[in-house]
């Protein structure tokens, strides 16, 4: 007699945790970009200083935040095996594609 188990495989957990770590790195990049002080920017190499000094529009920063945190929330729901993850990942992909289309 075989039993049908809904237990996810090890690959599910590996992929889910790697995706969560990837999105957490994006969230930390966003937080660094928005919370960087002038002293922190002064300690960077000149080419990175130039990139940080570029004025980004508020809507671009908001899209960046929504995409990054949408991915983190989507990964959490993925690991919790909730259907809401589809909405989060669709939203994240939409925001990223919109951002690429604009620039």
PDB file of N, CA and C in Angstrom:
ATOM      1  N   UNK A   1       0.835  -1.169   0.000  1.00  0.00           N
ATOM      2  CA  UNK A   1       0.000   0.000   0.000  1.00  0.00           C
ATOM      3  C   UNK A   1       0.887   1.242   0.000  1.00  0.00           C
ATOM      4  N   UNK A   2       0.601   2.160  -0.868  1.00  0.00           N
ATOM      5  CA  UNK A   2       1.375   3.387  -0.934  1.00  0.00           C
ATOM      6  C   UNK A   2       0.604   4.512  -0.268  1.00  0.00           C
ATOM      7  N   UNK A   3       1.349   5.385   0.340  1.00  0.00           N
ATOM      8  CA  UNK A   3       0.723   6.556   0.961  1.00  0.00           C
ATOM      9  C   UNK A   3       1.121   7.787   0.164  1.00  0.00           C
ATOM     10  N   UNK A   4       0.179   8.652  -0.020  1.00  0.00           N
ATOM     11  CA  UNK A   4       0.414   9.884  -0.743  1.00  0.00           C
ATOM     12  C   UNK A   4       0.675  10.993   0.264  1.00  0.00           C
ATOM     13  N   UNK A   5       1.900  11.445   0.316  1.00  0.00           N
ATOM     14  CA  UNK A   5       2.286  12.472   1.272  1.00  0.00           C
ATOM     15  C   UNK A   5       2.481  13.800   0.550  1.00  0.00           C
ATOM     16  N   UNK A   6       2.041  14.864   1.168  1.00  0.00           N
ATOM     17  CA  UNK A   6       2.238  16.194   0.609  1.00  0.00           C
ATOM     18  C   UNK A   6       3.502  16.846   1.148  1.00  0.00           C
ATOM     19  N   UNK A   7       4.381  16.046   1.696  1.00  0.00           N
ATOM     20  CA  UNK A   7       5.629  16.561   2.239  1.00  0.00           C
ATOM     21  C   UNK A   7       6.525  17.020   1.084  1.00  0.00           C
ATOM     22  N   UNK A   8       6.995  18.271   1.129  1.00  0.00           N
ATOM     23  CA  UNK A   8       7.850  18.753   0.038  1.00  0.00           C
ATOM     24  C   UNK A   8       9.221  18.081   0.065  1.00  0.00           C
ATOM     25  N   UNK A   9       9.819  18.013  -1.108  1.00  0.00           N
ATOM     26  CA  UNK A   9      11.126  17.368  -1.226  1.00  0.00           C
ATOM     27  C   UNK A   9      12.223  18.291  -0.696  1.00  0.00           C
ATOM     28  N   UNK A  10      13.431  17.756  -0.627  1.00  0.00           N
ATOM     29  CA  UNK A  10      14.571  18.562  -0.184  1.00  0.00           C
ATOM     30  C   UNK A  10      14.870  19.677  -1.174  1.00  0.00           C
ATOM     31  N   UNK A  11      14.626  19.427  -2.439  1.00  0.00           N
ATOM     32  CA  UNK A  11      14.867  20.454  -3.463  1.00  0.00           C
ATOM     33  C   UNK A  11      13.973  21.667  -3.233  1.00  0.00           C
ATOM     34  N   UNK A  12      12.747  21.445  -2.797  1.00  0.00           N
ATOM     35  CA  UNK A  12      11.833  22.544  -2.477  1.00  0.00           C
ATOM     36  C   UNK A  12      12.451  23.451  -1.425  1.00  0.00           C
ATOM     37  N   UNK A  13      12.971  22.855  -0.371  1.00  0.00           N
ATOM     38  CA  UNK A  13      13.546  23.649   0.713  1.00  0.00           C
ATOM     39  C   UNK A  13      14.834  24.335   0.290  1.00  0.00           C
ATOM     40  N   UNK A  14      15.665  23.650  -0.485  1.00  0.00           N
ATOM     41  CA  UNK A  14      16.918  24.247  -0.939  1.00  0.00           C
ATOM     42  C   UNK A  14      16.640  25.445  -1.839  1.00  0.00           C
ATOM     43  N   UNK A  15      15.758  25.266  -2.810  1.00  0.00           N
ATOM     44  CA  UNK A  15      15.427  26.352  -3.734  1.00  0.00           C
ATOM     45  C   UNK A  15      14.765  27.499  -2.981  1.00  0.00           C
ATOM     46  N   UNK A  16      13.846  27.190  -2.076  1.00  0.00           N
ATOM     47  CA  UNK A  16      13.159  28.228  -1.316  1.00  0.00           C
ATOM     48  C   UNK A  16      14.092  29.044  -0.446  1.00  0.00           C
ATOM     49  N   UNK A  17      15.013  28.369   0.234  1.00  0.00           N
ATOM     50  CA  UNK A  17      15.948  29.080   1.108  1.00  0.00           C
ATOM     51  C   UNK A  17      16.935  29.900   0.293  1.00  0.00           C
ATOM     52  N   UNK A  18      17.426  29.356  -0.822  1.00  0.00           N
ATOM     53  CA  UNK A  18      18.325  30.130  -1.687  1.00  0.00           C
ATOM     54  C   UNK A  18      17.622  31.358  -2.265  1.00  0.00           C
ATOM     55  N   UNK A  19      16.370  31.200  -2.672  1.00  0.00           N
ATOM     56  CA  UNK A  19      15.619  32.344  -3.197  1.00  0.00           C
ATOM     57  C   UNK A  19      15.402  33.391  -2.111  1.00  0.00           C
ATOM     58  N   UNK A  20      15.114  32.949  -0.902  1.00  0.00           N
ATOM     59  CA  UNK A  20      14.929  33.892   0.211  1.00  0.00           C
ATOM     60  C   UNK A  20      16.227  34.634   0.504  1.00  0.00           C
ATOM     61  N   UNK A  21      17.353  33.926   0.518  1.00  0.00           N
ATOM     62  CA  UNK A  21      18.637  34.590   0.746  1.00  0.00           C
ATOM     63  C   UNK A  21      18.946  35.599  -0.357  1.00  0.00           C
ATOM     64  N   UNK A  22      18.647  35.234  -1.601  1.00  0.00           N
ATOM     65  CA  UNK A  22      18.876  36.141  -2.730  1.00  0.00           C
ATOM     66  C   UNK A  22      18.044  37.421  -2.574  1.00  0.00           C
ATOM     67  N   UNK A  23      16.785  37.261  -2.218  1.00  0.00           N
ATOM     68  CA  UNK A  23      15.925  38.429  -2.052  1.00  0.00           C
ATOM     69  C   UNK A  23      16.289  39.239  -0.814  1.00  0.00           C
ATOM     70  N   UNK A  24      16.796  38.592   0.222  1.00  0.00           N
ATOM     71  CA  UNK A  24      17.272  39.329   1.393  1.00  0.00           C
ATOM     72  C   UNK A  24      18.516  40.153   1.053  1.00  0.00           C
ATOM     73  N   UNK A  25      19.357  39.640   0.156  1.00  0.00           N
ATOM     74  CA  UNK A  25      20.502  40.436  -0.296  1.00  0.00           C
ATOM     75  C   UNK A  25      20.027  41.667  -1.057  1.00  0.00           C
ATOM     76  N   UNK A  26      18.983  41.507  -1.860  1.00  0.00           N
ATOM     77  CA  UNK A  26      18.415  42.661  -2.552  1.00  0.00           C
ATOM     78  C   UNK A  26      17.821  43.666  -1.581  1.00  0.00           C
ATOM     79  N   UNK A  27      17.179  43.174  -0.531  1.00  0.00           N
ATOM     80  CA  UNK A  27      16.612  44.069   0.478  1.00  0.00           C
ATOM     81  C   UNK A  27      17.718  44.817   1.210  1.00  0.00           C
ATOM     82  N   UNK A  28      18.818  44.137   1.504  1.00  0.00           N
ATOM     83  CA  UNK A  28      19.921  44.826   2.179  1.00  0.00           C
ATOM     84  C   UNK A  28      20.565  45.859   1.244  1.00  0.00           C
ATOM     85  N   UNK A  29      20.630  45.569  -0.052  1.00  0.00           N
ATOM     86  CA  UNK A  29      21.150  46.554  -1.011  1.00  0.00           C
ATOM     87  C   UNK A  29      20.250  47.779  -1.056  1.00  0.00           C
ATOM     88  N   UNK A  30      18.945  47.555  -1.043  1.00  0.00           N
ATOM     89  CA  UNK A  30      18.013  48.684  -1.018  1.00  0.00           C
ATOM     90  C   UNK A  30      18.200  49.517   0.243  1.00  0.00           C
ATOM     91  N   UNK A  31      18.265  48.845   1.390  1.00  0.00           N
ATOM     92  CA  UNK A  31      18.420  49.578   2.645  1.00  0.00           C
ATOM     93  C   UNK A  31      19.742  50.337   2.685  1.00  0.00           C
ATOM     94  N   UNK A  32      20.809  49.734   2.167  1.00  0.00           N
ATOM     95  CA  UNK A  32      22.085  50.440   2.125  1.00  0.00           C
ATOM     96  C   UNK A  32      21.995  51.675   1.236  1.00  0.00           C
ATOM     97  N   UNK A  33      21.349  51.528   0.098  1.00  0.00           N
ATOM     98  CA  UNK A  33      21.236  52.647  -0.833  1.00  0.00           C
ATOM     99  C   UNK A  33      20.433  53.795  -0.237  1.00  0.00           C
ATOM    100  N   UNK A  34      19.371  53.472   0.468  1.00  0.00           N
ATOM    101  CA  UNK A  34      18.519  54.539   0.994  1.00  0.00           C
ATOM    102  C   UNK A  34      19.013  55.103   2.322  1.00  0.00           C
ATOM    103  N   UNK A  35      19.766  54.324   3.082  1.00  0.00           N
ATOM    104  CA  UNK A  35      20.208  54.787   4.404  1.00  0.00           C
ATOM    105  C   UNK A  35      21.675  55.184   4.453  1.00  0.00           C
ATOM    106  N   UNK A  36      22.358  55.219   3.320  1.00  0.00           N
ATOM    107  CA  UNK A  36      23.777  55.574   3.292  1.00  0.00           C
ATOM    108  C   UNK A  36      23.952  57.042   3.660  1.00  0.00           C
ATOM    109  N   UNK A  37      24.864  57.287   4.580  1.00  0.00           N
ATOM    110  CA  UNK A  37      25.162  58.667   4.997  1.00  0.00           C
ATOM    111  C   UNK A  37      26.263  59.234   4.115  1.00  0.00           C
ATOM    112  N   UNK A  38      26.477  60.528   4.225  1.00  0.00           N
ATOM    113  CA  UNK A  38      27.539  61.176   3.451  1.00  0.00           C
ATOM    114  C   UNK A  38      28.911  60.632   3.836  1.00  0.00           C
ATOM    115  N   UNK A  39      29.093  60.303   5.107  1.00  0.00           N
ATOM    116  CA  UNK A  39      30.372  59.751   5.555  1.00  0.00           C
ATOM    117  C   UNK A  39      30.619  58.375   4.933  1.00  0.00           C
ATOM    118  N   UNK A  40      29.573  57.571   4.844  1.00  0.00           N
ATOM    119  CA  UNK A  40      29.710  56.249   4.235  1.00  0.00           C
ATOM    120  C   UNK A  40      30.043  56.379   2.750  1.00  0.00           C
ATOM    121  N   UNK A  41      29.415  57.316   2.091  1.00  0.00           N
ATOM    122  CA  UNK A  41      29.671  57.523   0.666  1.00  0.00           C
ATOM    123  C   UNK A  41      31.083  58.048   0.445  1.00  0.00           C
ATOM    124  N   UNK A  42      31.580  58.889   1.355  1.00  0.00           N
ATOM    125  CA  UNK A  42      32.929  59.443   1.217  1.00  0.00           C
ATOM    126  C   UNK A  42      33.995  58.364   1.330  1.00  0.00           C
ATOM    127  N   UNK A  43      33.725  57.278   2.018  1.00  0.00           N
ATOM    128  CA  UNK A  43      34.697  56.198   2.177  1.00  0.00           C
ATOM    129  C   UNK A  43      34.728  55.236   0.997  1.00  0.00           C
ATOM    130  N   UNK A  44      33.860  55.421   0.021  1.00  0.00           N
ATOM    131  CA  UNK A  44      33.801  54.535  -1.142  1.00  0.00           C
ATOM    132  C   UNK A  44      34.800  54.969  -2.208  1.00  0.00           C
ATOM    133  N   UNK A  45      35.132  54.045  -3.138  1.00  0.00           N
ATOM    134  CA  UNK A  45      35.951  54.439  -4.295  1.00  0.00           C
ATOM    135  C   UNK A  45      35.207  55.488  -5.135  1.00  0.00           C
ATOM    136  N   UNK A  46      35.942  56.307  -5.894  1.00  0.00           N
ATOM    137  CA  UNK A  46      35.315  57.413  -6.640  1.00  0.00           C
ATOM    138  C   UNK A  46      34.195  56.994  -7.593  1.00  0.00           C
ATOM    139  N   UNK A  47      34.337  55.864  -8.293  1.00  0.00           N
ATOM    140  CA  UNK A  47      33.287  55.466  -9.232  1.00  0.00           C
ATOM    141  C   UNK A  47      32.007  55.066  -8.498  1.00  0.00           C
ATOM    142  N   UNK A  48      32.142  54.475  -7.319  1.00  0.00           N
ATOM    143  CA  UNK A  48      30.948  54.158  -6.534  1.00  0.00           C
ATOM    144  C   UNK A  48      30.333  55.412  -5.928  1.00  0.00           C
ATOM    145  N   UNK A  49      31.164  56.382  -5.587  1.00  0.00           N
ATOM    146  CA  UNK A  49      30.646  57.649  -5.074  1.00  0.00           C
ATOM    147  C   UNK A  49      29.791  58.334  -6.127  1.00  0.00           C
ATOM    148  N   UNK A  50      30.257  58.310  -7.372  1.00  0.00           N
ATOM    149  CA  UNK A  50      29.502  58.940  -8.451  1.00  0.00           C
ATOM    150  C   UNK A  50      28.145  58.263  -8.623  1.00  0.00           C
ATOM    151  N   UNK A  51      28.109  56.947  -8.526  1.00  0.00           N
ATOM    152  CA  UNK A  51      26.850  56.223  -8.665  1.00  0.00           C
ATOM    153  C   UNK A  51      25.892  56.545  -7.519  1.00  0.00           C
ATOM    154  N   UNK A  52      26.422  56.671  -6.321  1.00  0.00           N
ATOM    155  CA  UNK A  52      25.561  56.967  -5.173  1.00  0.00           C
ATOM    156  C   UNK A  52      25.055  58.407  -5.180  1.00  0.00           C
ATOM    157  N   UNK A  53      25.795  59.302  -5.817  1.00  0.00           N
ATOM    158  CA  UNK A  53      25.405  60.709  -5.832  1.00  0.00           C
ATOM    159  C   UNK A  53      24.344  61.025  -6.893  1.00  0.00           C
ATOM    160  N   UNK A  54      24.127  60.095  -7.810  1.00  0.00           N
ATOM    161  CA  UNK A  54      23.112  60.319  -8.833  1.00  0.00           C
ATOM    162  C   UNK A  54      21.750  60.410  -8.160  1.00  0.00           C
ATOM    163  N   UNK A  55      21.027  61.437  -8.511  1.00  0.00           N
ATOM    164  CA  UNK A  55      19.688  61.611  -7.942  1.00  0.00           C
ATOM    165  C   UNK A  55      18.720  60.670  -8.648  1.00  0.00           C
ATOM    166  N   UNK A  56      18.100  59.807  -7.894  1.00  0.00           N
ATOM    167  CA  UNK A  56      17.088  58.910  -8.428  1.00  0.00           C
ATOM    168  C   UNK A  56      15.723  59.470  -8.080  1.00  0.00           C
ATOM    169  N   UNK A  57      14.788  59.422  -9.008  1.00  0.00           N
ATOM    170  CA  UNK A  57      13.436  59.907  -8.692  1.00  0.00           C
ATOM    171  C   UNK A  57      12.800  59.073  -7.574  1.00  0.00           C
ATOM    172  N   UNK A  58      11.892  59.673  -6.851  1.00  0.00           N
ATOM    173  CA  UNK A  58      11.241  58.992  -5.727  1.00  0.00           C
ATOM    174  C   UNK A  58      10.466  57.772  -6.203  1.00  0.00           C
ATOM    175  N   UNK A  59       9.835  57.855  -7.382  1.00  0.00           N
ATOM    176  CA  UNK A  59       9.053  56.724  -7.869  1.00  0.00           C
ATOM    177  C   UNK A  59       9.956  55.540  -8.190  1.00  0.00           C
ATOM    178  N   UNK A  60      11.199  55.789  -8.635  1.00  0.00           N
ATOM    179  CA  UNK A  60      12.121  54.707  -8.929  1.00  0.00           C
ATOM    180  C   UNK A  60      12.555  54.008  -7.639  1.00  0.00           C
ATOM    181  N   UNK A  61      12.809  54.786  -6.618  1.00  0.00           N
ATOM    182  CA  UNK A  61      13.158  54.210  -5.321  1.00  0.00           C
ATOM    183  C   UNK A  61      11.997  53.406  -4.756  1.00  0.00           C
ATOM    184  N   UNK A  62      10.785  53.911  -4.937  1.00  0.00           N
ATOM    185  CA  UNK A  62       9.598  53.189  -4.458  1.00  0.00           C
ATOM    186  C   UNK A  62       9.423  51.878  -5.215  1.00  0.00           C
ATOM    187  N   UNK A  63       9.643  51.883  -6.521  1.00  0.00           N
ATOM    188  CA  UNK A  63       9.548  50.641  -7.294  1.00  0.00           C
ATOM    189  C   UNK A  63      10.599  49.637  -6.862  1.00  0.00           C
ATOM    190  N   UNK A  64      11.789  50.131  -6.594  1.00  0.00           N
ATOM    191  CA  UNK A  64      12.863  49.260  -6.122  1.00  0.00           C
ATOM    192  C   UNK A  64      12.467  48.605  -4.801  1.00  0.00           C
ATOM    193  N   UNK A  65      11.926  49.400  -3.887  1.00  0.00           N
ATOM    194  CA  UNK A  65      11.504  48.866  -2.585  1.00  0.00           C
ATOM    195  C   UNK A  65      10.375  47.852  -2.741  1.00  0.00           C
ATOM    196  N   UNK A  66       9.403  48.161  -3.566  1.00  0.00           N
ATOM    197  CA  UNK A  66       8.274  47.248  -3.756  1.00  0.00           C
ATOM    198  C   UNK A  66       8.716  45.934  -4.384  1.00  0.00           C
ATOM    199  N   UNK A  67       9.607  46.006  -5.349  1.00  0.00           N
ATOM    200  CA  UNK A  67      10.082  44.789  -6.002  1.00  0.00           C
ATOM    201  C   UNK A  67      10.877  43.916  -5.032  1.00  0.00           C
ATOM    202  N   UNK A  68      11.770  44.548  -4.284  1.00  0.00           N
ATOM    203  CA  UNK A  68      12.627  43.788  -3.381  1.00  0.00           C
ATOM    204  C   UNK A  68      11.825  43.161  -2.246  1.00  0.00           C
ATOM    205  N   UNK A  69      11.000  43.951  -1.600  1.00  0.00           N
ATOM    206  CA  UNK A  69      10.257  43.412  -0.462  1.00  0.00           C
ATOM    207  C   UNK A  69       9.118  42.500  -0.913  1.00  0.00           C
ATOM    208  N   UNK A  70       8.600  42.702  -2.129  1.00  0.00           N
ATOM    209  CA  UNK A  70       7.638  41.753  -2.685  1.00  0.00           C
ATOM    210  C   UNK A  70       8.269  40.385  -2.893  1.00  0.00           C
ATOM    211  N   UNK A  71       9.532  40.369  -3.317  1.00  0.00           N
ATOM    212  CA  UNK A  71      10.246  39.107  -3.479  1.00  0.00           C
ATOM    213  C   UNK A  71      10.497  38.414  -2.149  1.00  0.00           C
ATOM    214  N   UNK A  72      10.854  39.187  -1.125  1.00  0.00           N
ATOM    215  CA  UNK A  72      11.080  38.599   0.200  1.00  0.00           C
ATOM    216  C   UNK A  72       9.785  37.995   0.735  1.00  0.00           C
ATOM    217  N   UNK A  73       8.695  38.746   0.629  1.00  0.00           N
ATOM    218  CA  UNK A  73       7.404  38.242   1.110  1.00  0.00           C
ATOM    219  C   UNK A  73       6.973  37.023   0.295  1.00  0.00           C
ATOM    220  N   UNK A  74       7.195  37.064  -1.016  1.00  0.00           N
ATOM    221  CA  UNK A  74       6.854  35.922  -1.864  1.00  0.00           C
ATOM    222  C   UNK A  74       7.626  34.669  -1.472  1.00  0.00           C
ATOM    223  N   UNK A  75       8.918  34.815  -1.159  1.00  0.00           N
ATOM    224  CA  UNK A  75       9.715  33.666  -0.741  1.00  0.00           C
ATOM    225  C   UNK A  75       9.241  33.118   0.601  1.00  0.00           C
ATOM    226  N   UNK A  76       8.868  34.004   1.501  1.00  0.00           N
ATOM    227  CA  UNK A  76       8.363  33.540   2.791  1.00  0.00           C
ATOM    228  C   UNK A  76       7.070  32.750   2.592  1.00  0.00           C
ATOM    229  N   UNK A  77       6.171  33.267   1.762  1.00  0.00           N
ATOM    230  CA  UNK A  77       4.935  32.533   1.491  1.00  0.00           C
ATOM    231  C   UNK A  77       5.202  31.236   0.729  1.00  0.00           C
ATOM    232  N   UNK A  78       6.238  31.224  -0.111  1.00  0.00           N
ATOM    233  CA  UNK A  78       6.619  29.993  -0.807  1.00  0.00           C
ATOM    234  C   UNK A  78       7.029  28.924   0.198  1.00  0.00           C
ATOM    235  N   UNK A  79       7.866  29.327   1.163  1.00  0.00           N
ATOM    236  CA  UNK A  79       8.307  28.361   2.169  1.00  0.00           C
ATOM    237  C   UNK A  79       7.165  27.936   3.084  1.00  0.00           C
ATOM    238  N   UNK A  80       6.180  28.807   3.269  1.00  0.00           N
ATOM    239  CA  UNK A  80       5.007  28.453   4.068  1.00  0.00           C
ATOM    240  C   UNK A  80       3.962  27.707   3.245  1.00  0.00           C
ATOM    241  N   UNK A  81       4.233  27.567   1.936  1.00  0.00           N
ATOM    242  CA  UNK A  81       3.345  26.871   0.997  1.00  0.00           C
ATOM    243  C   UNK A  81       1.961  27.526   0.947  1.00  0.00           C
ATOM    244  N   UNK A  82       1.946  28.837   0.781  1.00  0.00           N
ATOM    245  CA  UNK A  82       0.696  29.586   0.673  1.00  0.00           C
ATOM    246  C   UNK A  82       0.499  30.033  -0.776  1.00  0.00           C
ATOM    247  N   UNK A  83      -0.748  30.148  -1.201  1.00  0.00           N
ATOM    248  CA  UNK A  83      -1.052  30.533  -2.577  1.00  0.00           C
ATOM    249  C   UNK A  83      -0.826  32.020  -2.834  1.00  0.00           C
ATOM    250  N   UNK A  84      -0.715  32.819  -1.788  1.00  0.00           N
ATOM    251  CA  UNK A  84      -0.495  34.250  -1.951  1.00  0.00           C
ATOM    252  C   UNK A  84       0.845  34.539  -2.623  1.00  0.00           C
ATOM    253  N   UNK A  85       1.753  33.568  -2.621  1.00  0.00           N
ATOM    254  CA  UNK A  85       3.060  33.771  -3.222  1.00  0.00           C
ATOM    255  C   UNK A  85       2.961  34.078  -4.705  1.00  0.00           C
ATOM    256  N   UNK A  86       1.954  33.535  -5.385  1.00  0.00           N
ATOM    257  CA  UNK A  86       1.802  33.788  -6.819  1.00  0.00           C
ATOM    258  C   UNK A  86       1.576  35.272  -7.072  1.00  0.00           C
ATOM    259  N   UNK A  87       0.764  35.900  -6.246  1.00  0.00           N
ATOM    260  CA  UNK A  87       0.504  37.330  -6.390  1.00  0.00           C
ATOM    261  C   UNK A  87       1.771  38.126  -6.117  1.00  0.00           C
ATOM    262  N   UNK A  88       2.514  37.760  -5.072  1.00  0.00           N
ATOM    263  CA  UNK A  88       3.737  38.484  -4.725  1.00  0.00           C
ATOM    264  C   UNK A  88       4.776  38.383  -5.835  1.00  0.00           C
ATOM    265  N   UNK A  89       4.989  37.177  -6.358  1.00  0.00           N
ATOM    266  CA  UNK A  89       5.984  37.015  -7.406  1.00  0.00           C
ATOM    267  C   UNK A  89       5.543  37.677  -8.713  1.00  0.00           C
ATOM    268  N   UNK A  90       4.266  37.618  -9.038  1.00  0.00           N
ATOM    269  CA  UNK A  90       3.779  38.296 -10.233  1.00  0.00           C
ATOM    270  C   UNK A  90       3.979  39.796 -10.097  1.00  0.00           C
ATOM    271  N   UNK A  91       3.669  40.329  -8.934  1.00  0.00           N
ATOM    272  CA  UNK A  91       3.830  41.758  -8.683  1.00  0.00           C
ATOM    273  C   UNK A  91       5.301  42.153  -8.770  1.00  0.00           C
ATOM    274  N   UNK A  92       6.182  41.349  -8.180  1.00  0.00           N
ATOM    275  CA  UNK A  92       7.605  41.645  -8.219  1.00  0.00           C
ATOM    276  C   UNK A  92       8.112  41.654  -9.664  1.00  0.00           C
ATOM    277  N   UNK A  93       7.725  40.662 -10.438  1.00  0.00           N
ATOM    278  CA  UNK A  93       8.171  40.589 -11.827  1.00  0.00           C
ATOM    279  C   UNK A  93       7.627  41.757 -12.646  1.00  0.00           C
ATOM    280  N   UNK A  94       6.387  42.133 -12.416  1.00  0.00           N
ATOM    281  CA  UNK A  94       5.797  43.268 -13.116  1.00  0.00           C
ATOM    282  C   UNK A  94       6.569  44.545 -12.822  1.00  0.00           C
ATOM    283  N   UNK A  95       6.882  44.770 -11.563  1.00  0.00           N
ATOM    284  CA  UNK A  95       7.608  45.991 -11.175  1.00  0.00           C
ATOM    285  C   UNK A  95       9.003  45.983 -11.792  1.00  0.00           C
ATOM    286  N   UNK A  96       9.683  44.845 -11.797  1.00  0.00           N
ATOM    287  CA  UNK A  96      11.016  44.788 -12.379  1.00  0.00           C
ATOM    288  C   UNK A  96      10.981  45.028 -13.887  1.00  0.00           C
ATOM    289  N   UNK A  97      10.017  44.439 -14.573  1.00  0.00           N
ATOM    290  CA  UNK A  97       9.923  44.652 -16.016  1.00  0.00           C
ATOM    291  C   UNK A  97       9.562  46.094 -16.348  1.00  0.00           C
ATOM    292  N   UNK A  98       8.702  46.687 -15.546  1.00  0.00           N
ATOM    293  CA  UNK A  98       8.348  48.104 -15.749  1.00  0.00           C
ATOM    294  C   UNK A  98       9.572  48.975 -15.559  1.00  0.00           C
ATOM    295  N   UNK A  99      10.361  48.668 -14.553  1.00  0.00           N
ATOM    296  CA  UNK A  99      11.566  49.438 -14.279  1.00  0.00           C
ATOM    297  C   UNK A  99      12.557  49.298 -15.433  1.00  0.00           C
ATOM    298  N   UNK A 100      12.720  48.106 -15.993  1.00  0.00           N
ATOM    299  CA  UNK A 100      13.607  47.910 -17.136  1.00  0.00           C
ATOM    300  C   UNK A 100      13.091  48.633 -18.369  1.00  0.00           C
ATOM    301  N   UNK A 101      11.786  48.651 -18.545  1.00  0.00           N
ATOM    302  CA  UNK A 101      11.211  49.307 -19.722  1.00  0.00           C
ATOM    303  C   UNK A 101      11.437  50.809 -19.671  1.00  0.00           C
ATOM    304  N   UNK A 102      11.342  51.392 -18.490  1.00  0.00           N
ATOM    305  CA  UNK A 102      11.531  52.841 -18.340  1.00  0.00           C
ATOM    306  C   UNK A 102      12.984  53.207 -18.587  1.00  0.00           C
ATOM    307  N   UNK A 103      13.919  52.391 -18.115  1.00  0.00           N
ATOM    308  CA  UNK A 103      15.331  52.714 -18.274  1.00  0.00           C
ATOM    309  C   UNK A 103      15.903  51.805 -19.311  1.00  0.00           C
TER     310      UNK A 103
END
